[in-house]
Amino acid sequence: FVIPGFPPPQKKKKKAERAPPPPPARTLRRTSTLPLVADLSMPLPSPLCSLHAPLTGNPIKSVFARLSQKMAGGDVDADLEMNMGDNQLAGDVTYNRNGNQVVAHVNSGNSNVVERVELSRDGFKGTFHTGSQNVDLQAQVDLDSDTNMLVKMSQADNAASVEINHNLDADTDVQVNLNPSADNMGANVEVTRRLDADNTVKPRFDMNSKKLTCAWVRKLDAGRTATVNVDPDNSFDLEVESNNKADWSGKISAPWGNPGDADIKVSRQFSF
C-alpha cells in the first residue's frame, strides 16, 4: 500500500543467478606412442578423372606398432601391422646380437604363424620357408673397391641370379642383373646418374623385352623426395616421400591415355 505524502516503496531487485562453473578440463595423458597409417582413397573431380574409390566404414585400414626389448644379451624389435578389416596381425620380429641377425616373418592369418625365418651375418643371408620347407641363399662380396657382386639361389624356383654393381665415377653407378636360366641370361642394365645435388636420373634397359624405362628423383624441401617413374608402354607414377615418418606421403599411378583408372594412395603415421 502507499502512504499519502510518502513515495511508493521500491521493489527489491533479484540478484542475477550465477552461471554454474564450467566442468574442469580433461587432460589426455599420453601413455604410449602408437603410429597409425591410413590408406585413403579419394575420387577426383570430373572431367579430370572418373576414379571410383568410395570410403566405406572406417577409413583407417591398418595400424602399425613398433616394440623394442633387450633379451639374452641382444636387441629384439617387433614391427607389426594389424589389418582393421580382418584383425589379422603380420610383421617382422628381429633379433640382433654380436653381428648376427635373425628375422621371423609372422602372420596370424596363415596356418604357419611363422612364415619364414632369415639368418644373416656380414655378406651372407639364408632364408627358410616353413610352409614349403625350401631354402634361399644369398652371398655378397666386394670384387674390388668399385665393384660389388651379389649371388642369389632359390631352391623353390631352382634358379640363381647375379647382381653386379660398379661405380664408374663420383656421379655414375651401373647395375647389371643376370638370370642364367632365362633368355639372354635375363639381363637388364640400370644406370644411376646424379645430375646435381638435387636431381638424379635412372634409365633402365631390359634385354629380353627391349624396353627402356626411366626414373627421375628430385630432392625437395624439408627432407622430402619426389620420384617420377615413366614406362612409355604402360604407366606413369609420381611418388612423394619424406624421411620424417610423421610427414605425409603419397603416390599416384596412372596408365598412359586413361587417367580415369588412376590409383591414389596417401599415408601418414600419427602418434597418440
Protein backbone atom coordinates (compact mmCIF):
# COMPACT_ATOMS: atom_id res chain seq x y z
CA PHE A 1 0.00 0.00 0.00
CA VAL A 2 1.00 3.65 -0.38
CA ILE A 3 1.01 6.18 2.50
CA PRO A 4 -0.04 9.66 1.37
CA GLY A 5 2.95 12.02 1.22
CA PHE A 6 5.50 9.23 1.02
CA PRO A 7 6.97 7.76 -2.15
CA PRO A 8 5.87 4.27 -3.01
CA PRO A 9 8.19 1.56 -1.73
CA GLN A 10 10.80 0.26 -4.20
CA LYS A 11 10.76 -3.37 -5.13
CA LYS A 12 13.95 -5.23 -4.36
CA LYS A 13 15.77 -6.39 -7.42
CA LYS A 14 16.56 -10.03 -7.54
CA LYS A 15 20.23 -10.83 -7.73
CA ALA A 16 21.25 -12.31 -11.01
CA GLU A 17 21.84 -16.01 -10.72
CA ARG A 18 25.39 -17.01 -11.34
CA ALA A 19 26.01 -19.45 -14.13
CA PRO A 20 27.34 -22.78 -12.90
CA PRO A 21 31.13 -23.06 -13.25
CA PRO A 22 32.30 -24.91 -16.35
CA PRO A 23 33.34 -28.51 -15.82
CA PRO A 24 37.06 -28.99 -15.28
CA ALA A 25 39.01 -29.55 -18.46
CA ARG A 26 40.03 -33.12 -19.02
CA THR A 27 43.66 -33.79 -19.75
CA LEU A 28 44.67 -36.60 -22.04
CA ARG A 29 47.81 -38.27 -20.81
CA ARG A 30 49.91 -40.00 -23.41
CA THR A 31 50.81 -43.43 -22.15
CA SER A 32 52.33 -44.84 -25.31
CA THR A 33 53.27 -43.98 -28.84
CA LEU A 34 51.28 -45.84 -31.47
CA PRO A 35 51.90 -44.89 -35.11
CA LEU A 36 48.90 -45.22 -37.38
CA VAL A 37 48.94 -45.32 -41.14
CA ALA A 38 45.73 -44.59 -43.00
CA ASP A 39 45.50 -45.51 -46.68
CA LEU A 40 42.95 -43.10 -48.05
CA SER A 41 41.29 -43.34 -51.44
CA MET A 42 39.53 -40.30 -52.81
CA PRO A 43 37.57 -39.54 -56.01
CA LEU A 44 38.94 -36.89 -58.36
CA PRO A 45 36.58 -34.24 -59.76
CA SER A 46 35.29 -34.76 -63.31
CA PRO A 47 36.37 -34.26 -66.05
CA LEU A 48 39.92 -34.67 -64.71
CA CYS A 49 39.30 -38.20 -63.59
CA SER A 50 36.46 -40.65 -63.05
CA LEU A 51 38.15 -42.66 -60.31
CA HIS A 52 35.63 -44.55 -58.16
CA ALA A 53 37.05 -45.41 -54.76
CA PRO A 54 34.30 -44.89 -52.14
CA LEU A 55 35.25 -44.95 -48.49
CA THR A 56 33.15 -47.47 -46.59
CA GLY A 57 33.31 -47.95 -42.85
CA ASN A 58 36.50 -46.97 -41.04
CA PRO A 59 38.93 -45.26 -43.46
CA ILE A 60 41.86 -46.45 -41.33
CA LYS A 61 42.79 -49.74 -42.94
CA SER A 62 45.76 -50.75 -40.83
CA VAL A 63 47.52 -49.96 -37.57
CA PHE A 64 51.26 -50.25 -37.07
CA ALA A 65 53.14 -50.77 -33.82
CA ARG A 66 56.86 -50.96 -33.05
CA LEU A 67 58.15 -52.61 -29.90
CA SER A 68 61.75 -52.93 -28.64
CA GLN A 69 63.15 -55.05 -25.82
CA LYS A 70 66.51 -56.31 -24.53
CA MET A 71 66.73 -60.11 -24.41
CA ALA A 72 69.59 -62.62 -23.86
CA GLY A 73 72.27 -60.03 -24.49
CA GLY A 74 70.69 -58.83 -27.74
CA ASP A 75 68.01 -56.49 -29.06
CA VAL A 76 64.52 -57.59 -30.06
CA ASP A 77 62.49 -55.29 -32.36
CA ALA A 78 58.96 -56.09 -33.49
CA ASP A 79 57.33 -54.19 -36.37
CA LEU A 80 53.74 -55.38 -36.55
CA GLU A 81 50.69 -54.38 -38.57
CA MET A 82 47.07 -55.14 -37.74
CA ASN A 83 44.55 -55.15 -40.57
CA MET A 84 41.40 -53.38 -39.36
CA GLY A 85 39.25 -55.38 -41.76
CA ASP A 86 40.05 -58.91 -40.60
CA ASN A 87 42.02 -58.14 -37.38
CA GLN A 88 44.95 -60.22 -38.60
CA LEU A 89 48.42 -59.42 -37.29
CA ALA A 90 51.50 -59.58 -39.51
CA GLY A 91 55.03 -58.25 -39.46
CA ASP A 92 58.66 -58.90 -38.56
CA VAL A 93 60.31 -59.81 -35.27
CA THR A 94 64.07 -59.14 -35.39
CA TYR A 95 66.79 -60.29 -33.00
CA ASN A 96 70.30 -58.76 -33.21
CA ARG A 97 73.36 -59.90 -31.28
CA ASN A 98 77.09 -59.64 -31.97
CA GLY A 99 76.64 -59.03 -35.71
CA ASN A 100 74.14 -61.87 -36.16
CA GLN A 101 70.58 -61.06 -37.16
CA VAL A 102 67.55 -63.36 -37.08
CA VAL A 103 64.26 -62.17 -38.58
CA ALA A 104 60.97 -64.06 -38.18
CA HIS A 105 58.15 -63.08 -40.53
CA VAL A 106 54.84 -63.76 -38.75
CA ASN A 107 51.25 -63.76 -39.99
CA SER A 108 48.36 -64.74 -37.72
CA GLY A 109 46.16 -65.46 -40.76
CA ASN A 110 48.49 -68.18 -42.03
CA SER A 111 48.36 -71.81 -40.95
CA ASN A 112 52.09 -71.43 -40.20
CA VAL A 113 52.13 -68.37 -37.98
CA VAL A 114 55.88 -68.04 -38.63
CA GLU A 115 56.04 -67.93 -42.44
CA ARG A 116 59.82 -67.77 -42.81
CA VAL A 117 62.99 -67.23 -40.81
CA GLU A 118 66.06 -65.34 -42.05
CA LEU A 119 69.59 -65.59 -40.68
CA SER A 120 72.20 -63.09 -41.83
CA ARG A 121 75.75 -62.15 -40.94
CA ASP A 122 78.11 -59.88 -42.87
CA GLY A 123 77.51 -60.65 -46.56
CA PHE A 124 75.66 -63.95 -46.09
CA LYS A 125 71.91 -64.48 -45.74
CA GLY A 126 69.86 -67.68 -45.55
CA THR A 127 66.07 -67.94 -45.55
CA PHE A 128 63.98 -70.96 -44.50
CA HIS A 129 60.31 -71.09 -45.61
CA THR A 130 58.30 -73.06 -43.06
CA GLY A 131 55.43 -73.89 -45.42
CA SER A 132 57.36 -75.26 -48.40
CA GLN A 133 60.44 -76.29 -46.39
CA ASN A 134 62.58 -74.58 -49.05
CA VAL A 135 65.77 -72.62 -48.52
CA ASP A 136 67.04 -69.44 -50.22
CA LEU A 137 70.69 -68.39 -50.03
CA GLN A 138 72.50 -65.23 -51.00
CA ALA A 139 76.09 -64.06 -50.64
CA GLN A 140 77.67 -60.70 -51.29
CA VAL A 141 81.34 -59.99 -51.99
CA ASP A 142 83.44 -56.98 -52.99
CA LEU A 143 85.41 -57.74 -56.15
CA ASP A 144 87.39 -54.51 -55.83
CA SER A 145 87.00 -51.05 -54.34
CA ASP A 146 84.46 -50.07 -57.03
CA THR A 147 82.69 -53.35 -57.83
CA ASN A 148 80.33 -55.48 -55.74
CA MET A 149 78.68 -58.80 -56.67
CA LEU A 150 75.57 -60.38 -55.14
CA VAL A 151 74.63 -64.02 -55.88
CA LYS A 152 71.17 -65.40 -55.05
CA MET A 153 69.95 -69.02 -55.21
CA SER A 154 66.38 -70.24 -54.72
CA GLN A 155 65.55 -73.88 -54.03
CA ALA A 156 61.84 -73.38 -54.75
CA ASP A 157 62.43 -71.81 -58.19
CA ASN A 158 65.51 -73.91 -58.90
CA ALA A 159 67.14 -70.72 -60.14
CA ALA A 160 70.05 -68.42 -59.49
CA SER A 161 70.69 -64.76 -60.20
CA VAL A 162 73.68 -62.46 -60.18
CA GLU A 163 73.73 -58.72 -59.50
CA ILE A 164 76.85 -56.66 -60.22
CA ASN A 165 77.21 -53.05 -59.08
CA HIS A 166 80.03 -50.91 -60.39
CA ASN A 167 80.92 -47.33 -59.53
CA LEU A 168 82.12 -45.57 -62.70
CA ASP A 169 82.83 -42.22 -61.09
CA ALA A 170 81.63 -39.98 -58.28
CA ASP A 171 78.28 -39.36 -60.03
CA THR A 172 77.63 -42.53 -62.04
CA ASP A 173 76.78 -46.08 -60.95
CA VAL A 174 75.95 -49.08 -63.14
CA GLN A 175 73.95 -52.13 -62.05
CA VAL A 176 73.77 -55.33 -64.15
CA ASN A 177 71.31 -58.12 -63.28
CA LEU A 178 71.70 -61.61 -64.77
CA ASN A 179 69.49 -64.70 -64.64
CA PRO A 180 71.42 -67.61 -66.22
CA SER A 181 68.29 -69.73 -66.75
CA ALA A 182 66.41 -67.05 -68.77
CA ASP A 183 66.73 -65.98 -72.38
CA ASN A 184 69.62 -63.61 -72.97
CA MET A 185 70.52 -64.51 -69.37
CA GLY A 186 67.65 -62.26 -68.29
CA ALA A 187 70.00 -59.33 -68.44
CA ASN A 188 68.97 -55.77 -67.62
CA VAL A 189 71.14 -52.74 -67.06
CA GLU A 190 70.37 -49.68 -64.91
CA VAL A 191 72.50 -46.54 -64.86
CA THR A 192 72.23 -44.07 -61.98
CA ARG A 193 73.45 -40.60 -62.89
CA ARG A 194 73.48 -37.75 -60.36
CA LEU A 195 72.96 -34.52 -62.32
CA ASP A 196 73.44 -32.24 -59.32
CA ALA A 197 72.84 -32.21 -55.58
CA ASP A 198 69.05 -32.43 -56.05
CA ASN A 199 68.41 -34.37 -59.28
CA THR A 200 69.15 -37.98 -60.28
CA VAL A 201 68.06 -39.92 -63.37
CA LYS A 202 67.90 -43.73 -63.62
CA PRO A 203 67.38 -45.17 -67.12
CA ARG A 204 66.90 -48.95 -67.24
CA PHE A 205 67.07 -51.28 -70.25
CA ASP A 206 65.74 -54.86 -70.33
CA MET A 207 67.46 -57.14 -72.85
CA ASN A 208 64.53 -59.57 -73.24
CA SER A 209 61.68 -57.10 -73.74
CA LYS A 210 63.93 -54.49 -75.40
CA LYS A 211 62.13 -51.99 -73.17
CA LEU A 212 63.58 -48.77 -71.82
CA THR A 213 62.14 -47.20 -68.67
CA CYS A 214 63.34 -44.20 -66.72
CA ALA A 215 63.05 -42.72 -63.24
CA TRP A 216 63.75 -39.16 -62.16
CA VAL A 217 64.40 -38.47 -58.46
CA ARG A 218 64.37 -34.94 -57.09
CA LYS A 219 65.09 -33.82 -53.54
CA LEU A 220 62.54 -31.35 -52.16
CA ASP A 221 62.50 -29.15 -49.09
CA ALA A 222 62.01 -30.49 -45.55
CA GLY A 223 63.56 -33.86 -46.32
CA ARG A 224 61.01 -34.79 -49.00
CA THR A 225 61.79 -36.63 -52.24
CA ALA A 226 59.74 -36.79 -55.44
CA THR A 227 60.18 -39.74 -57.80
CA VAL A 228 58.73 -39.93 -61.31
CA ASN A 229 58.73 -43.36 -63.00
CA VAL A 230 57.95 -43.47 -66.71
CA ASP A 231 57.16 -46.67 -68.59
CA PRO A 232 56.27 -45.49 -72.13
CA ASP A 233 54.26 -48.65 -72.87
CA ASN A 234 52.33 -48.90 -69.63
CA SER A 235 52.10 -46.30 -66.90
CA PHE A 236 53.25 -43.14 -65.21
CA ASP A 237 53.94 -42.95 -61.44
CA LEU A 238 54.53 -39.97 -59.17
CA GLU A 239 55.54 -40.60 -55.56
CA VAL A 240 56.39 -38.12 -52.81
CA GLU A 241 58.11 -39.43 -49.69
CA SER A 242 59.68 -37.91 -46.59
CA ASN A 243 62.45 -39.02 -44.25
CA ASN A 244 60.18 -37.85 -41.42
CA LYS A 245 57.76 -40.65 -40.54
CA ALA A 246 55.29 -38.12 -39.13
CA ASP A 247 55.05 -36.36 -42.52
CA TRP A 248 52.56 -37.08 -45.29
CA SER A 249 53.49 -39.26 -48.26
CA GLY A 250 51.55 -40.00 -51.40
CA LYS A 251 51.63 -41.88 -54.69
CA ILE A 252 49.66 -41.54 -57.93
CA SER A 253 49.80 -44.29 -60.58
CA ALA A 254 48.02 -43.92 -63.90
CA PRO A 255 48.10 -45.83 -67.19
CA TRP A 256 49.00 -43.88 -70.30
CA GLY A 257 45.95 -42.50 -72.07
CA ASN A 258 43.49 -43.38 -69.30
CA PRO A 259 43.92 -41.16 -66.23
CA GLY A 260 40.46 -42.24 -65.04
CA ASP A 261 41.98 -45.50 -63.84
CA ALA A 262 44.50 -43.74 -61.61
CA ASP A 263 45.29 -45.15 -58.20
CA ILE A 264 45.89 -42.70 -55.34
CA LYS A 265 47.47 -43.58 -52.03
CA VAL A 266 48.02 -41.13 -49.16
CA SER A 267 49.58 -42.17 -45.86
CA ARG A 268 50.90 -40.74 -42.62
CA GLN A 269 51.89 -42.00 -39.20
CA PHE A 270 50.12 -40.46 -36.21
CA SER A 271 51.38 -40.63 -32.63
CA PHE A 272 48.98 -40.71 -29.68
